[in-house]
Amino acid sequence: MKTYALALDLKEDDHLIKEYEQHHRAIWPEIRESILTAGVIDMRIYRLANRLFMIMEVTDDFSFDKKAEMDANNPKVQEWEALMWKYQQPLPQAKEGEKWLLMEEIFKL
């Protein structure tokens, strides 16, 4: 099992942040299935102000490239991602088209 941490920002709008959280309290079944099928064992998202932090525990054979390909070929995932982009904004260091950025582990006890 591997663990990854990712970050992304939300737009600084209290109403939009509240809507975003409501969507995540009841994600679409197709999105849940897509995440699990890609090899994600557990996923958690935390928020501080408009900063999001995601922890993913994945199978040993999980691949971000494979998940991206699966997502690109899944119309329901594309619909979800388009909806989520209403609420999200890229981090300042993100390249064109990047959303969630992989964080570097700098300490482990």
N, C-alpha and C. Protein backbone atom coordinates (compact mmCIF):
# COMPACT_ATOMS: atom_id res chain seq x y z
N MET A 1 0.84 -1.18 0.00
CA MET A 1 0.00 0.00 0.00
C MET A 1 0.89 1.24 0.00
N LYS A 2 0.48 2.25 -0.75
CA LYS A 2 1.19 3.53 -0.82
C LYS A 2 0.25 4.63 -0.34
N THR A 3 0.85 5.72 0.13
CA THR A 3 0.07 6.88 0.55
C THR A 3 0.57 8.11 -0.19
N TYR A 4 -0.36 8.90 -0.69
CA TYR A 4 -0.04 10.15 -1.37
C TYR A 4 -0.80 11.29 -0.72
N ALA A 5 -0.21 12.47 -0.74
CA ALA A 5 -0.86 13.69 -0.27
C ALA A 5 -0.89 14.68 -1.41
N LEU A 6 -2.03 15.34 -1.59
CA LEU A 6 -2.20 16.30 -2.68
C LEU A 6 -2.86 17.56 -2.13
N ALA A 7 -2.66 18.67 -2.83
CA ALA A 7 -3.24 19.94 -2.41
C ALA A 7 -3.91 20.64 -3.58
N LEU A 8 -4.89 21.44 -3.26
CA LEU A 8 -5.63 22.25 -4.23
C LEU A 8 -6.33 23.36 -3.46
N ASP A 9 -6.63 24.45 -4.11
CA ASP A 9 -7.36 25.54 -3.47
C ASP A 9 -8.78 25.61 -3.98
N LEU A 10 -9.65 26.10 -3.12
CA LEU A 10 -11.01 26.46 -3.51
C LEU A 10 -11.05 27.96 -3.76
N LYS A 11 -12.02 28.39 -4.52
CA LYS A 11 -12.23 29.83 -4.68
C LYS A 11 -12.61 30.40 -3.33
N GLU A 12 -12.14 31.59 -3.04
CA GLU A 12 -12.40 32.21 -1.74
C GLU A 12 -13.79 32.83 -1.72
N ASP A 13 -14.78 31.96 -1.56
CA ASP A 13 -16.18 32.37 -1.54
C ASP A 13 -16.90 31.42 -0.58
N ASP A 14 -17.36 31.92 0.55
CA ASP A 14 -17.97 31.07 1.57
C ASP A 14 -19.14 30.25 1.04
N HIS A 15 -19.95 30.85 0.19
CA HIS A 15 -21.10 30.14 -0.37
C HIS A 15 -20.64 28.97 -1.24
N LEU A 16 -19.66 29.21 -2.10
CA LEU A 16 -19.15 28.15 -2.97
C LEU A 16 -18.47 27.05 -2.15
N ILE A 17 -17.75 27.43 -1.11
CA ILE A 17 -17.09 26.43 -0.26
C ILE A 17 -18.14 25.54 0.41
N LYS A 18 -19.21 26.14 0.87
CA LYS A 18 -20.29 25.36 1.50
C LYS A 18 -20.91 24.39 0.49
N GLU A 19 -21.15 24.84 -0.73
CA GLU A 19 -21.68 23.96 -1.78
C GLU A 19 -20.72 22.82 -2.07
N TYR A 20 -19.43 23.14 -2.16
CA TYR A 20 -18.42 22.12 -2.44
C TYR A 20 -18.45 21.04 -1.36
N GLU A 21 -18.54 21.44 -0.12
CA GLU A 21 -18.59 20.47 0.97
C GLU A 21 -19.87 19.63 0.91
N GLN A 22 -20.99 20.25 0.53
CA GLN A 22 -22.24 19.50 0.40
C GLN A 22 -22.11 18.42 -0.68
N HIS A 23 -21.49 18.76 -1.80
CA HIS A 23 -21.27 17.76 -2.85
C HIS A 23 -20.44 16.59 -2.34
N HIS A 24 -19.48 16.87 -1.49
CA HIS A 24 -18.59 15.81 -1.01
C HIS A 24 -19.19 15.00 0.14
N ARG A 25 -20.26 15.48 0.74
CA ARG A 25 -20.97 14.68 1.73
C ARG A 25 -21.83 13.63 1.05
N ALA A 26 -22.07 13.80 -0.23
CA ALA A 26 -22.92 12.86 -0.98
C ALA A 26 -22.39 12.75 -2.42
N ILE A 27 -21.16 12.21 -2.56
CA ILE A 27 -20.61 12.08 -3.91
C ILE A 27 -21.47 11.11 -4.72
N TRP A 28 -21.44 11.31 -6.01
CA TRP A 28 -22.22 10.45 -6.90
C TRP A 28 -21.67 9.01 -6.82
N PRO A 29 -22.54 8.02 -6.87
CA PRO A 29 -22.09 6.62 -6.81
C PRO A 29 -21.07 6.27 -7.89
N GLU A 30 -21.23 6.86 -9.07
CA GLU A 30 -20.30 6.58 -10.17
C GLU A 30 -18.89 7.11 -9.85
N ILE A 31 -18.82 8.18 -9.10
CA ILE A 31 -17.52 8.75 -8.73
C ILE A 31 -16.86 7.86 -7.69
N ARG A 32 -17.62 7.43 -6.72
CA ARG A 32 -17.09 6.51 -5.71
C ARG A 32 -16.56 5.24 -6.37
N GLU A 33 -17.34 4.68 -7.27
CA GLU A 33 -16.94 3.45 -7.96
C GLU A 33 -15.67 3.67 -8.79
N SER A 34 -15.58 4.80 -9.45
CA SER A 34 -14.41 5.12 -10.26
C SER A 34 -13.15 5.21 -9.40
N ILE A 35 -13.26 5.84 -8.25
CA ILE A 35 -12.12 5.99 -7.34
C ILE A 35 -11.66 4.62 -6.86
N LEU A 36 -12.60 3.79 -6.44
CA LEU A 36 -12.25 2.46 -5.94
C LEU A 36 -11.67 1.57 -7.05
N THR A 37 -12.25 1.63 -8.23
CA THR A 37 -11.78 0.82 -9.36
C THR A 37 -10.35 1.19 -9.75
N ALA A 38 -9.97 2.43 -9.55
CA ALA A 38 -8.62 2.89 -9.90
C ALA A 38 -7.56 2.37 -8.93
N GLY A 39 -8.00 1.79 -7.80
CA GLY A 39 -7.05 1.28 -6.84
C GLY A 39 -6.89 2.13 -5.59
N VAL A 40 -7.79 3.06 -5.40
CA VAL A 40 -7.76 3.89 -4.19
C VAL A 40 -8.49 3.11 -3.08
N ILE A 41 -7.78 2.86 -2.00
CA ILE A 41 -8.35 2.13 -0.87
C ILE A 41 -9.07 3.08 0.08
N ASP A 42 -8.47 4.24 0.30
CA ASP A 42 -9.06 5.24 1.19
C ASP A 42 -8.68 6.62 0.68
N MET A 43 -9.60 7.54 0.80
CA MET A 43 -9.35 8.93 0.38
C MET A 43 -10.01 9.84 1.40
N ARG A 44 -9.26 10.83 1.83
CA ARG A 44 -9.78 11.83 2.76
C ARG A 44 -9.39 13.21 2.26
N ILE A 45 -10.31 14.16 2.41
CA ILE A 45 -10.01 15.54 2.04
C ILE A 45 -10.25 16.40 3.28
N TYR A 46 -9.27 17.23 3.59
CA TYR A 46 -9.35 18.18 4.70
C TYR A 46 -9.31 19.59 4.12
N ARG A 47 -9.88 20.53 4.88
CA ARG A 47 -9.90 21.92 4.42
C ARG A 47 -9.45 22.84 5.54
N LEU A 48 -8.63 23.83 5.19
CA LEU A 48 -8.29 24.94 6.06
C LEU A 48 -8.51 26.19 5.23
N ALA A 49 -9.49 26.99 5.61
CA ALA A 49 -9.89 28.16 4.81
C ALA A 49 -10.23 27.67 3.40
N ASN A 50 -9.48 28.12 2.39
CA ASN A 50 -9.79 27.65 1.03
C ASN A 50 -8.78 26.62 0.53
N ARG A 51 -7.86 26.17 1.39
CA ARG A 51 -6.85 25.17 1.00
C ARG A 51 -7.38 23.77 1.29
N LEU A 52 -7.30 22.91 0.29
CA LEU A 52 -7.68 21.51 0.44
C LEU A 52 -6.44 20.64 0.51
N PHE A 53 -6.52 19.59 1.31
CA PHE A 53 -5.44 18.63 1.48
C PHE A 53 -6.06 17.24 1.37
N MET A 54 -5.60 16.45 0.42
CA MET A 54 -6.14 15.11 0.20
C MET A 54 -5.09 14.06 0.56
N ILE A 55 -5.52 13.04 1.29
CA ILE A 55 -4.67 11.88 1.57
C ILE A 55 -5.30 10.70 0.86
N MET A 56 -4.50 10.02 0.06
CA MET A 56 -4.96 8.83 -0.66
C MET A 56 -4.11 7.63 -0.25
N GLU A 57 -4.76 6.57 0.15
CA GLU A 57 -4.09 5.29 0.34
C GLU A 57 -4.49 4.43 -0.85
N VAL A 58 -3.49 3.88 -1.52
CA VAL A 58 -3.75 3.18 -2.79
C VAL A 58 -3.07 1.81 -2.79
N THR A 59 -3.51 0.97 -3.71
CA THR A 59 -2.88 -0.34 -3.88
C THR A 59 -1.48 -0.15 -4.45
N ASP A 60 -0.66 -1.18 -4.32
CA ASP A 60 0.71 -1.11 -4.82
C ASP A 60 0.79 -0.91 -6.33
N ASP A 61 -0.25 -1.34 -7.05
CA ASP A 61 -0.23 -1.20 -8.51
C ASP A 61 -0.97 0.05 -9.00
N PHE A 62 -1.36 0.93 -8.07
CA PHE A 62 -2.02 2.18 -8.46
C PHE A 62 -1.10 3.03 -9.32
N SER A 63 -1.69 3.70 -10.31
CA SER A 63 -0.94 4.60 -11.18
C SER A 63 -1.77 5.85 -11.45
N PHE A 64 -1.16 7.02 -11.25
CA PHE A 64 -1.85 8.27 -11.56
C PHE A 64 -2.16 8.34 -13.06
N ASP A 65 -1.25 7.85 -13.89
CA ASP A 65 -1.48 7.86 -15.34
C ASP A 65 -2.67 6.99 -15.71
N LYS A 66 -2.74 5.81 -15.11
CA LYS A 66 -3.86 4.90 -15.39
C LYS A 66 -5.18 5.52 -14.92
N LYS A 67 -5.16 6.13 -13.73
CA LYS A 67 -6.38 6.77 -13.22
C LYS A 67 -6.80 7.91 -14.14
N ALA A 68 -5.84 8.71 -14.61
CA ALA A 68 -6.14 9.82 -15.52
C ALA A 68 -6.77 9.31 -16.81
N GLU A 69 -6.25 8.21 -17.32
CA GLU A 69 -6.80 7.63 -18.54
C GLU A 69 -8.22 7.11 -18.31
N MET A 70 -8.42 6.44 -17.18
CA MET A 70 -9.77 5.95 -16.84
C MET A 70 -10.75 7.12 -16.71
N ASP A 71 -10.31 8.17 -16.02
CA ASP A 71 -11.17 9.34 -15.82
C ASP A 71 -11.52 10.02 -17.14
N ALA A 72 -10.54 10.12 -18.03
CA ALA A 72 -10.77 10.77 -19.32
C ALA A 72 -11.79 10.02 -20.17
N ASN A 73 -11.90 8.72 -19.94
CA ASN A 73 -12.83 7.89 -20.71
C ASN A 73 -14.15 7.63 -19.98
N ASN A 74 -14.40 8.34 -18.90
CA ASN A 74 -15.61 8.14 -18.12
C ASN A 74 -16.42 9.44 -18.14
N PRO A 75 -17.51 9.48 -18.91
CA PRO A 75 -18.30 10.72 -19.01
C PRO A 75 -18.82 11.24 -17.68
N LYS A 76 -19.16 10.35 -16.76
CA LYS A 76 -19.68 10.79 -15.46
C LYS A 76 -18.58 11.47 -14.64
N VAL A 77 -17.36 10.92 -14.71
CA VAL A 77 -16.23 11.56 -14.03
C VAL A 77 -15.95 12.93 -14.65
N GLN A 78 -16.02 13.02 -15.95
CA GLN A 78 -15.80 14.30 -16.62
C GLN A 78 -16.87 15.32 -16.22
N GLU A 79 -18.11 14.87 -16.07
CA GLU A 79 -19.19 15.75 -15.62
C GLU A 79 -18.92 16.24 -14.19
N TRP A 80 -18.49 15.32 -13.32
CA TRP A 80 -18.16 15.67 -11.93
C TRP A 80 -17.01 16.68 -11.89
N GLU A 81 -15.97 16.41 -12.66
CA GLU A 81 -14.79 17.29 -12.67
C GLU A 81 -15.16 18.69 -13.17
N ALA A 82 -16.01 18.77 -14.17
CA ALA A 82 -16.45 20.08 -14.67
C ALA A 82 -17.24 20.82 -13.59
N LEU A 83 -18.09 20.10 -12.87
CA LEU A 83 -18.85 20.71 -11.78
C LEU A 83 -17.92 21.19 -10.67
N MET A 84 -16.94 20.35 -10.30
CA MET A 84 -16.03 20.71 -9.22
C MET A 84 -15.18 21.93 -9.58
N TRP A 85 -14.87 22.11 -10.86
CA TRP A 85 -14.05 23.24 -11.27
C TRP A 85 -14.75 24.57 -11.00
N LYS A 86 -16.07 24.54 -10.82
CA LYS A 86 -16.82 25.75 -10.43
C LYS A 86 -16.32 26.26 -9.08
N TYR A 87 -15.84 25.35 -8.25
CA TYR A 87 -15.44 25.67 -6.88
C TYR A 87 -13.93 25.76 -6.69
N GLN A 88 -13.18 25.10 -7.55
CA GLN A 88 -11.74 24.96 -7.36
C GLN A 88 -10.97 26.01 -8.16
N GLN A 89 -9.74 26.25 -7.69
CA GLN A 89 -8.81 27.09 -8.43
C GLN A 89 -7.42 26.49 -8.27
N PRO A 90 -6.60 26.61 -9.28
CA PRO A 90 -5.27 25.99 -9.19
C PRO A 90 -4.38 26.69 -8.17
N LEU A 91 -3.46 25.93 -7.62
CA LEU A 91 -2.44 26.52 -6.77
C LEU A 91 -1.55 27.43 -7.62
N PRO A 92 -0.92 28.43 -7.02
CA PRO A 92 -0.08 29.35 -7.80
C PRO A 92 1.00 28.65 -8.63
N GLN A 93 1.54 27.53 -8.14
CA GLN A 93 2.62 26.85 -8.86
C GLN A 93 2.12 25.80 -9.86
N ALA A 94 0.82 25.67 -10.01
CA ALA A 94 0.26 24.68 -10.95
C ALA A 94 0.53 25.09 -12.40
N LYS A 95 0.78 24.09 -13.20
CA LYS A 95 0.92 24.31 -14.64
C LYS A 95 -0.47 24.34 -15.27
N GLU A 96 -0.56 24.79 -16.50
CA GLU A 96 -1.83 24.87 -17.22
C GLU A 96 -2.54 23.51 -17.18
N GLY A 97 -3.79 23.51 -16.73
CA GLY A 97 -4.59 22.30 -16.70
C GLY A 97 -4.41 21.43 -15.47
N GLU A 98 -3.46 21.76 -14.59
CA GLU A 98 -3.27 20.96 -13.37
C GLU A 98 -4.25 21.39 -12.29
N LYS A 99 -4.74 20.40 -11.56
CA LYS A 99 -5.61 20.68 -10.43
C LYS A 99 -4.90 20.24 -9.15
N TRP A 100 -5.21 19.04 -8.69
CA TRP A 100 -4.58 18.53 -7.48
C TRP A 100 -3.09 18.33 -7.72
N LEU A 101 -2.25 18.90 -6.85
CA LEU A 101 -0.80 18.76 -6.97
C LEU A 101 -0.27 17.82 -5.89
N LEU A 102 0.59 16.92 -6.32
CA LEU A 102 1.21 15.96 -5.42
C LEU A 102 2.17 16.68 -4.49
N MET A 103 2.06 16.40 -3.21
CA MET A 103 2.92 17.02 -2.21
C MET A 103 4.09 16.08 -1.90
N GLU A 104 5.19 16.66 -1.52
CA GLU A 104 6.40 15.90 -1.18
C GLU A 104 6.40 15.63 0.32
N GLU A 105 6.60 14.37 0.68
CA GLU A 105 6.72 14.04 2.09
C GLU A 105 8.08 14.52 2.60
N ILE A 106 8.07 15.31 3.66
CA ILE A 106 9.33 15.82 4.19
C ILE A 106 9.64 15.32 5.59
N PHE A 107 8.66 14.63 6.22
CA PHE A 107 8.90 14.10 7.55
C PHE A 107 7.97 12.92 7.78
N LYS A 108 8.50 11.89 8.46
CA LYS A 108 7.70 10.74 8.87
C LYS A 108 8.25 10.25 10.19
N LEU A 109 7.38 10.04 11.16
CA LEU A 109 7.80 9.58 12.48
C LEU A 109 7.76 8.06 12.52
